[in-house]
Amino acid sequence: MYPRVKDVKPTDDYKLVLTFTNDEVKIFDVTPYLEKGFFKQLKDKSYFKNVKPFMDSVQWQNGQDFCPDMLYLDSQNV
């Protein structure tokens, strides 16, 4: 099992700065998902910035989320 998200900070350019349970800090780019179905709502920057850590991953108030393994594997090291 990969490390899980313990903290998230959104950026102005649709990226998430993630801190994982092993204290690694990585950046996940959300832009490839902004034109896909349920994720289109994330284009609203004020909505995007309301992301919170949730159940080892991240989630927005209307339920958009990402698999925690995907967040870890597809993020870039800081």
N, C-alpha and C. Protein backbone atom coordinates (compact mmCIF):
# COMPACT_ATOMS: atom_id res chain seq x y z
N MET A 1 0.84 -1.18 0.00
CA MET A 1 0.00 0.00 0.00
C MET A 1 0.89 1.25 0.00
N TYR A 2 0.50 2.20 -0.80
CA TYR A 2 1.25 3.45 -0.91
C TYR A 2 0.87 4.40 0.22
N PRO A 3 1.74 5.40 0.50
CA PRO A 3 1.40 6.38 1.52
C PRO A 3 0.10 7.10 1.17
N ARG A 4 -0.57 7.59 2.17
CA ARG A 4 -1.86 8.25 2.02
C ARG A 4 -1.72 9.75 2.27
N VAL A 5 -2.67 10.50 1.79
CA VAL A 5 -2.66 11.96 1.92
C VAL A 5 -3.01 12.35 3.36
N LYS A 6 -2.20 13.23 3.93
CA LYS A 6 -2.55 13.76 5.25
C LYS A 6 -2.79 15.27 5.21
N ASP A 7 -2.34 15.94 4.13
CA ASP A 7 -2.60 17.37 3.99
C ASP A 7 -2.62 17.74 2.51
N VAL A 8 -3.41 18.75 2.16
CA VAL A 8 -3.49 19.21 0.78
C VAL A 8 -3.58 20.73 0.76
N LYS A 9 -2.85 21.32 -0.20
CA LYS A 9 -2.91 22.77 -0.42
C LYS A 9 -3.08 22.99 -1.92
N PRO A 10 -4.19 23.64 -2.33
CA PRO A 10 -4.40 23.92 -3.74
C PRO A 10 -3.58 25.12 -4.20
N THR A 11 -3.21 25.15 -5.47
CA THR A 11 -2.49 26.29 -6.05
C THR A 11 -3.40 27.00 -7.03
N ASP A 12 -2.98 28.17 -7.51
CA ASP A 12 -3.76 28.95 -8.47
C ASP A 12 -3.79 28.32 -9.86
N ASP A 13 -2.89 27.39 -10.13
CA ASP A 13 -2.82 26.79 -11.47
C ASP A 13 -3.30 25.33 -11.47
N TYR A 14 -4.30 25.04 -10.66
CA TYR A 14 -4.96 23.74 -10.62
C TYR A 14 -4.03 22.57 -10.28
N LYS A 15 -3.18 22.83 -9.34
CA LYS A 15 -2.32 21.77 -8.83
C LYS A 15 -2.61 21.60 -7.34
N LEU A 16 -2.33 20.42 -6.85
CA LEU A 16 -2.48 20.13 -5.43
C LEU A 16 -1.11 19.80 -4.85
N VAL A 17 -0.72 20.51 -3.82
CA VAL A 17 0.50 20.19 -3.09
C VAL A 17 0.07 19.24 -1.98
N LEU A 18 0.54 18.01 -2.09
CA LEU A 18 0.10 16.95 -1.19
C LEU A 18 1.21 16.55 -0.23
N THR A 19 0.87 16.41 1.03
CA THR A 19 1.78 15.84 2.02
C THR A 19 1.22 14.47 2.37
N PHE A 20 2.08 13.48 2.25
CA PHE A 20 1.67 12.10 2.48
C PHE A 20 2.08 11.63 3.88
N THR A 21 1.55 10.50 4.27
CA THR A 21 1.80 9.98 5.61
C THR A 21 3.26 9.63 5.87
N ASN A 22 4.06 9.49 4.83
CA ASN A 22 5.50 9.26 5.00
C ASN A 22 6.28 10.57 4.96
N ASP A 23 5.56 11.70 5.00
CA ASP A 23 6.10 13.07 4.99
C ASP A 23 6.67 13.51 3.65
N GLU A 24 6.48 12.72 2.60
CA GLU A 24 6.84 13.19 1.26
C GLU A 24 5.86 14.29 0.85
N VAL A 25 6.38 15.27 0.12
CA VAL A 25 5.55 16.33 -0.44
C VAL A 25 5.65 16.22 -1.95
N LYS A 26 4.48 16.13 -2.60
CA LYS A 26 4.43 15.95 -4.05
C LYS A 26 3.36 16.87 -4.63
N ILE A 27 3.43 17.08 -5.94
CA ILE A 27 2.46 17.94 -6.62
C ILE A 27 1.68 17.12 -7.64
N PHE A 28 0.36 17.21 -7.54
CA PHE A 28 -0.54 16.51 -8.46
C PHE A 28 -1.22 17.56 -9.34
N ASP A 29 -1.13 17.38 -10.65
CA ASP A 29 -1.72 18.30 -11.62
C ASP A 29 -3.14 17.85 -11.96
N VAL A 30 -4.11 18.70 -11.65
CA VAL A 30 -5.51 18.37 -11.89
C VAL A 30 -5.97 18.79 -13.29
N THR A 31 -5.20 19.62 -13.99
CA THR A 31 -5.65 20.17 -15.27
C THR A 31 -6.09 19.11 -16.29
N PRO A 32 -5.49 17.93 -16.39
CA PRO A 32 -5.97 16.96 -17.38
C PRO A 32 -7.40 16.47 -17.12
N TYR A 33 -7.92 16.70 -15.94
CA TYR A 33 -9.24 16.19 -15.57
C TYR A 33 -10.34 17.25 -15.64
N LEU A 34 -9.97 18.51 -15.86
CA LEU A 34 -10.93 19.62 -15.77
C LEU A 34 -12.00 19.61 -16.85
N GLU A 35 -11.82 18.87 -17.93
CA GLU A 35 -12.83 18.79 -18.99
C GLU A 35 -13.60 17.48 -18.96
N LYS A 36 -13.46 16.73 -17.88
CA LYS A 36 -14.08 15.41 -17.80
C LYS A 36 -15.23 15.40 -16.80
N GLY A 37 -16.43 15.22 -17.32
CA GLY A 37 -17.63 15.00 -16.51
C GLY A 37 -17.72 15.76 -15.21
N PHE A 38 -17.76 15.00 -14.13
CA PHE A 38 -17.95 15.51 -12.78
C PHE A 38 -16.85 16.49 -12.35
N PHE A 39 -15.68 16.41 -12.97
CA PHE A 39 -14.56 17.26 -12.58
C PHE A 39 -14.63 18.66 -13.19
N LYS A 40 -15.52 18.90 -14.15
CA LYS A 40 -15.62 20.22 -14.78
C LYS A 40 -15.87 21.32 -13.76
N GLN A 41 -16.56 21.00 -12.69
CA GLN A 41 -16.86 21.98 -11.64
C GLN A 41 -15.58 22.52 -10.99
N LEU A 42 -14.50 21.76 -11.07
CA LEU A 42 -13.23 22.18 -10.46
C LEU A 42 -12.61 23.37 -11.19
N LYS A 43 -13.09 23.68 -12.40
CA LYS A 43 -12.56 24.84 -13.13
C LYS A 43 -12.86 26.15 -12.40
N ASP A 44 -13.89 26.16 -11.58
CA ASP A 44 -14.19 27.33 -10.75
C ASP A 44 -13.13 27.39 -9.65
N LYS A 45 -12.26 28.37 -9.75
CA LYS A 45 -11.10 28.41 -8.84
C LYS A 45 -11.49 28.50 -7.37
N SER A 46 -12.56 29.22 -7.06
CA SER A 46 -12.96 29.30 -5.65
C SER A 46 -13.44 27.93 -5.15
N TYR A 47 -14.11 27.18 -6.01
CA TYR A 47 -14.53 25.83 -5.65
C TYR A 47 -13.30 24.91 -5.54
N PHE A 48 -12.40 25.00 -6.51
CA PHE A 48 -11.19 24.17 -6.51
C PHE A 48 -10.40 24.34 -5.21
N LYS A 49 -10.34 25.56 -4.72
CA LYS A 49 -9.53 25.85 -3.54
C LYS A 49 -10.14 25.33 -2.24
N ASN A 50 -11.35 24.80 -2.30
CA ASN A 50 -12.00 24.25 -1.11
C ASN A 50 -11.75 22.76 -0.92
N VAL A 51 -10.72 22.24 -1.53
CA VAL A 51 -10.38 20.82 -1.37
C VAL A 51 -9.91 20.56 0.06
N LYS A 52 -10.24 19.38 0.55
CA LYS A 52 -9.86 18.97 1.91
C LYS A 52 -9.32 17.54 1.89
N PRO A 53 -8.45 17.21 2.84
CA PRO A 53 -8.08 15.80 2.99
C PRO A 53 -9.32 15.02 3.43
N PHE A 54 -9.49 13.83 2.89
CA PHE A 54 -10.66 13.02 3.25
C PHE A 54 -10.35 11.55 3.04
N MET A 55 -10.46 10.78 4.09
CA MET A 55 -10.29 9.32 4.04
C MET A 55 -9.05 8.90 3.24
N ASP A 56 -7.90 9.43 3.61
CA ASP A 56 -6.61 9.09 3.02
C ASP A 56 -6.41 9.66 1.62
N SER A 57 -7.32 10.50 1.14
CA SER A 57 -7.24 11.09 -0.18
C SER A 57 -7.60 12.57 -0.06
N VAL A 58 -8.21 13.12 -1.11
CA VAL A 58 -8.71 14.49 -1.09
C VAL A 58 -10.14 14.46 -1.62
N GLN A 59 -10.92 15.48 -1.23
CA GLN A 59 -12.29 15.54 -1.73
C GLN A 59 -12.79 16.98 -1.70
N TRP A 60 -13.67 17.29 -2.68
CA TRP A 60 -14.35 18.57 -2.73
C TRP A 60 -15.77 18.37 -2.22
N GLN A 61 -16.47 19.45 -1.92
CA GLN A 61 -17.77 19.36 -1.23
C GLN A 61 -18.84 18.61 -2.02
N ASN A 62 -18.76 18.55 -3.33
CA ASN A 62 -19.76 17.81 -4.10
C ASN A 62 -19.32 16.38 -4.42
N GLY A 63 -18.25 15.94 -3.78
CA GLY A 63 -17.85 14.54 -3.87
C GLY A 63 -16.75 14.20 -4.85
N GLN A 64 -16.24 15.18 -5.60
CA GLN A 64 -15.13 14.87 -6.49
C GLN A 64 -13.95 14.42 -5.65
N ASP A 65 -13.30 13.37 -6.10
CA ASP A 65 -12.13 12.87 -5.39
C ASP A 65 -11.24 12.08 -6.35
N PHE A 66 -10.08 11.70 -5.86
CA PHE A 66 -9.14 10.90 -6.63
C PHE A 66 -8.71 9.72 -5.77
N CYS A 67 -8.38 8.63 -6.42
CA CYS A 67 -7.86 7.46 -5.73
C CYS A 67 -6.54 7.84 -5.04
N PRO A 68 -6.37 7.47 -3.77
CA PRO A 68 -5.12 7.84 -3.08
C PRO A 68 -3.87 7.25 -3.73
N ASP A 69 -3.97 6.05 -4.29
CA ASP A 69 -2.80 5.46 -4.96
C ASP A 69 -2.44 6.28 -6.20
N MET A 70 -3.45 6.72 -6.95
CA MET A 70 -3.21 7.53 -8.13
C MET A 70 -2.55 8.86 -7.75
N LEU A 71 -3.03 9.47 -6.67
CA LEU A 71 -2.43 10.73 -6.23
C LEU A 71 -0.94 10.55 -5.94
N TYR A 72 -0.60 9.45 -5.31
CA TYR A 72 0.81 9.22 -4.98
C TYR A 72 1.63 8.90 -6.23
N LEU A 73 1.14 7.98 -7.04
CA LEU A 73 1.91 7.52 -8.21
C LEU A 73 2.02 8.57 -9.32
N ASP A 74 1.00 9.38 -9.50
CA ASP A 74 0.98 10.35 -10.60
C ASP A 74 1.43 11.74 -10.19
N SER A 75 1.89 11.91 -8.97
CA SER A 75 2.39 13.21 -8.51
C SER A 75 3.89 13.33 -8.76
N GLN A 76 4.32 14.55 -8.87
CA GLN A 76 5.74 14.84 -9.07
C GLN A 76 6.37 15.24 -7.72
N ASN A 77 7.59 14.81 -7.51
CA ASN A 77 8.30 15.22 -6.29
C ASN A 77 8.57 16.71 -6.32
N VAL A 78 8.50 17.31 -5.15
CA VAL A 78 8.78 18.74 -5.03
C VAL A 78 10.28 18.96 -5.04
